[in-house]
Amino acid sequence: MENLVYDIISWVGLTICIGAFFIKDVLWLRLATLIGCSLLFVYYSHIAIPQGVISNLLVLLINAYYLVRFASARRKAISDGKISSPASSVLTTEN
C-alpha cells in the first residue's frame, strides 16, 4: 500500500511538471514546477535514486529563488506606489 501512495505522488508530480509547459504566466509556471518537483523529490528520495533527488532539488531551489525574488519585487512596487495592492484593487459596489 505504501508503494502505491508513492507511485501516485510520482504520477501527480510528473503530470504537474508536464502541464507546466502549457502555462504562460511566469508566476503560475514557477509555482506549478515547484509543486511538481517537490512531489518528484519525495518520490525519488523514497526509491533512493540520487540523480532524481539532485535534479529535482535543484529545479525546486531555482524556482523557489525566483518566486522569492518575484514576491520581493512586487512588495517593493506596492510600497513605492507603482502598482496597487491586491486589497485596494477589489471593486466595491455603492448603494
C-alpha atoms as a PDB file:
ATOM      1  CA  MET A   1       0.000   0.000   0.000  1.00  0.00           C
ATOM      2  CA  GLU A   2       2.858   2.377   0.825  1.00  0.00           C
ATOM      3  CA  ASN A   3       4.376   1.912  -2.639  1.00  0.00           C
ATOM      4  CA  LEU A   4       1.027   2.750  -4.225  1.00  0.00           C
ATOM      5  CA  VAL A   5       0.992   6.089  -2.383  1.00  0.00           C
ATOM      6  CA  TYR A   6       4.477   6.932  -3.658  1.00  0.00           C
ATOM      7  CA  ASP A   7       3.527   5.863  -7.190  1.00  0.00           C
ATOM      8  CA  ILE A   8       0.523   8.198  -7.057  1.00  0.00           C
ATOM      9  CA  ILE A   9       2.779  11.000  -5.777  1.00  0.00           C
ATOM     10  CA  SER A  10       5.159  10.449  -8.703  1.00  0.00           C
ATOM     11  CA  TRP A  11       2.359  10.453 -11.302  1.00  0.00           C
ATOM     12  CA  VAL A  12       0.800  13.609  -9.876  1.00  0.00           C
ATOM     13  CA  GLY A  13       4.206  15.328  -9.763  1.00  0.00           C
ATOM     14  CA  LEU A  14       5.001  14.275 -13.319  1.00  0.00           C
ATOM     15  CA  THR A  15       1.605  15.456 -14.549  1.00  0.00           C
ATOM     16  CA  ILE A  16       2.076  18.855 -12.909  1.00  0.00           C
ATOM     17  CA  CYS A  17       5.595  19.240 -14.330  1.00  0.00           C
ATOM     18  CA  ILE A  18       4.471  18.328 -17.844  1.00  0.00           C
ATOM     19  CA  GLY A  19       1.412  20.549 -17.509  1.00  0.00           C
ATOM     20  CA  ALA A  20       3.700  23.448 -16.584  1.00  0.00           C
ATOM     21  CA  PHE A  21       4.901  23.529 -20.202  1.00  0.00           C
ATOM     22  CA  PHE A  22       1.455  24.823 -21.173  1.00  0.00           C
ATOM     23  CA  ILE A  23       1.400  27.675 -18.632  1.00  0.00           C
ATOM     24  CA  LYS A  24       2.242  31.133 -19.984  1.00  0.00           C
ATOM     25  CA  ASP A  25       2.103  33.158 -16.762  1.00  0.00           C
ATOM     26  CA  VAL A  26       5.568  33.041 -15.172  1.00  0.00           C
ATOM     27  CA  LEU A  27       4.280  33.075 -11.590  1.00  0.00           C
ATOM     28  CA  TRP A  28       1.962  30.097 -12.158  1.00  0.00           C
ATOM     29  CA  LEU A  29       4.645  28.333 -14.193  1.00  0.00           C
ATOM     30  CA  ARG A  30       7.132  28.579 -11.345  1.00  0.00           C
ATOM     31  CA  LEU A  31       4.530  27.558  -8.746  1.00  0.00           C
ATOM     32  CA  ALA A  32       3.481  24.512 -10.762  1.00  0.00           C
ATOM     33  CA  THR A  33       7.088  23.495 -11.331  1.00  0.00           C
ATOM     34  CA  LEU A  34       7.878  23.990  -7.660  1.00  0.00           C
ATOM     35  CA  ILE A  35       4.975  21.756  -6.592  1.00  0.00           C
ATOM     36  CA  GLY A  36       5.660  19.117  -9.252  1.00  0.00           C
ATOM     37  CA  CYS A  37       9.367  18.929  -8.469  1.00  0.00           C
ATOM     38  CA  SER A  38       8.627  18.768  -4.741  1.00  0.00           C
ATOM     39  CA  LEU A  39       6.447  15.714  -5.311  1.00  0.00           C
ATOM     40  CA  LEU A  40       9.036  14.103  -7.577  1.00  0.00           C
ATOM     41  CA  PHE A  41      11.744  14.883  -4.994  1.00  0.00           C
ATOM     42  CA  VAL A  42       9.728  12.971  -2.385  1.00  0.00           C
ATOM     43  CA  TYR A  43       9.279  10.040  -4.769  1.00  0.00           C
ATOM     44  CA  TYR A  44      12.942   9.846  -5.821  1.00  0.00           C
ATOM     45  CA  SER A  45      14.029  10.143  -2.185  1.00  0.00           C
ATOM     46  CA  HIS A  46      11.792   7.202  -1.325  1.00  0.00           C
ATOM     47  CA  ILE A  47      13.152   4.954  -4.080  1.00  0.00           C
ATOM     48  CA  ALA A  48      16.738   6.177  -3.487  1.00  0.00           C
ATOM     49  CA  ILE A  49      17.623   7.470  -6.966  1.00  0.00           C
ATOM     50  CA  PRO A  50      20.315  10.124  -6.380  1.00  0.00           C
ATOM     51  CA  GLN A  51      20.080  11.637  -9.880  1.00  0.00           C
ATOM     52  CA  GLY A  52      16.341  12.195  -9.472  1.00  0.00           C
ATOM     53  CA  VAL A  53      16.760  13.635  -5.987  1.00  0.00           C
ATOM     54  CA  ILE A  54      19.514  16.052  -7.015  1.00  0.00           C
ATOM     55  CA  SER A  55      17.914  17.207 -10.269  1.00  0.00           C
ATOM     56  CA  ASN A  56      14.505  17.812  -8.706  1.00  0.00           C
ATOM     57  CA  LEU A  57      16.043  19.513  -5.691  1.00  0.00           C
ATOM     58  CA  LEU A  58      17.991  21.880  -7.952  1.00  0.00           C
ATOM     59  CA  VAL A  59      14.936  22.770 -10.061  1.00  0.00           C
ATOM     60  CA  LEU A  60      12.909  23.198  -6.858  1.00  0.00           C
ATOM     61  CA  LEU A  61      15.509  25.568  -5.368  1.00  0.00           C
ATOM     62  CA  ILE A  62      15.837  27.578  -8.591  1.00  0.00           C
ATOM     63  CA  ASN A  63      12.076  28.085  -8.791  1.00  0.00           C
ATOM     64  CA  ALA A  64      11.848  28.935  -5.086  1.00  0.00           C
ATOM     65  CA  TYR A  65      14.599  31.550  -5.526  1.00  0.00           C
ATOM     66  CA  TYR A  66      12.800  33.230  -8.427  1.00  0.00           C
ATOM     67  CA  LEU A  67       9.452  33.125  -6.603  1.00  0.00           C
ATOM     68  CA  VAL A  68      11.027  34.889  -3.618  1.00  0.00           C
ATOM     69  CA  ARG A  69      12.577  37.489  -5.958  1.00  0.00           C
ATOM     70  CA  PHE A  70       9.207  37.968  -7.666  1.00  0.00           C
ATOM     71  CA  ALA A  71       7.448  38.417  -4.317  1.00  0.00           C
ATOM     72  CA  SER A  72      10.013  40.919  -3.028  1.00  0.00           C
ATOM     73  CA  ALA A  73       9.901  42.931  -6.280  1.00  0.00           C
ATOM     74  CA  ARG A  74       6.112  43.002  -6.099  1.00  0.00           C
ATOM     75  CA  ARG A  75       6.205  44.067  -2.452  1.00  0.00           C
ATOM     76  CA  LYS A  76       8.659  46.850  -3.320  1.00  0.00           C
ATOM     77  CA  ALA A  77       6.484  48.013  -6.234  1.00  0.00           C
ATOM     78  CA  ILE A  78       3.431  48.125  -3.962  1.00  0.00           C
ATOM     79  CA  SER A  79       5.278  50.100  -1.287  1.00  0.00           C
ATOM     80  CA  ASP A  80       6.617  52.545  -3.928  1.00  0.00           C
ATOM     81  CA  GLY A  81       3.069  53.037  -5.210  1.00  0.00           C
ATOM     82  CA  LYS A  82       3.886  51.782  -8.707  1.00  0.00           C
ATOM     83  CA  ILE A  83       1.102  49.184  -8.565  1.00  0.00           C
ATOM     84  CA  SER A  84      -1.950  48.939  -6.393  1.00  0.00           C
ATOM     85  CA  SER A  85      -2.118  46.371  -3.638  1.00  0.00           C
ATOM     86  CA  PRO A  86      -4.477  43.421  -4.178  1.00  0.00           C
ATOM     87  CA  ALA A  87      -6.763  44.600  -1.345  1.00  0.00           C
ATOM     88  CA  SER A  88      -7.216  48.072  -2.828  1.00  0.00           C
ATOM     89  CA  SER A  89      -7.969  46.773  -6.304  1.00  0.00           C
ATOM     90  CA  VAL A  90     -11.129  44.970  -5.194  1.00  0.00           C
ATOM     91  CA  LEU A  91     -14.234  46.513  -6.724  1.00  0.00           C
ATOM     92  CA  THR A  92     -16.774  47.857  -4.295  1.00  0.00           C
ATOM     93  CA  THR A  93     -20.423  48.433  -5.040  1.00  0.00           C
ATOM     94  CA  GLU A  94     -22.196  51.531  -3.856  1.00  0.00           C
ATOM     95  CA  ASN A  95     -25.873  51.591  -2.926  1.00  0.00           C
END
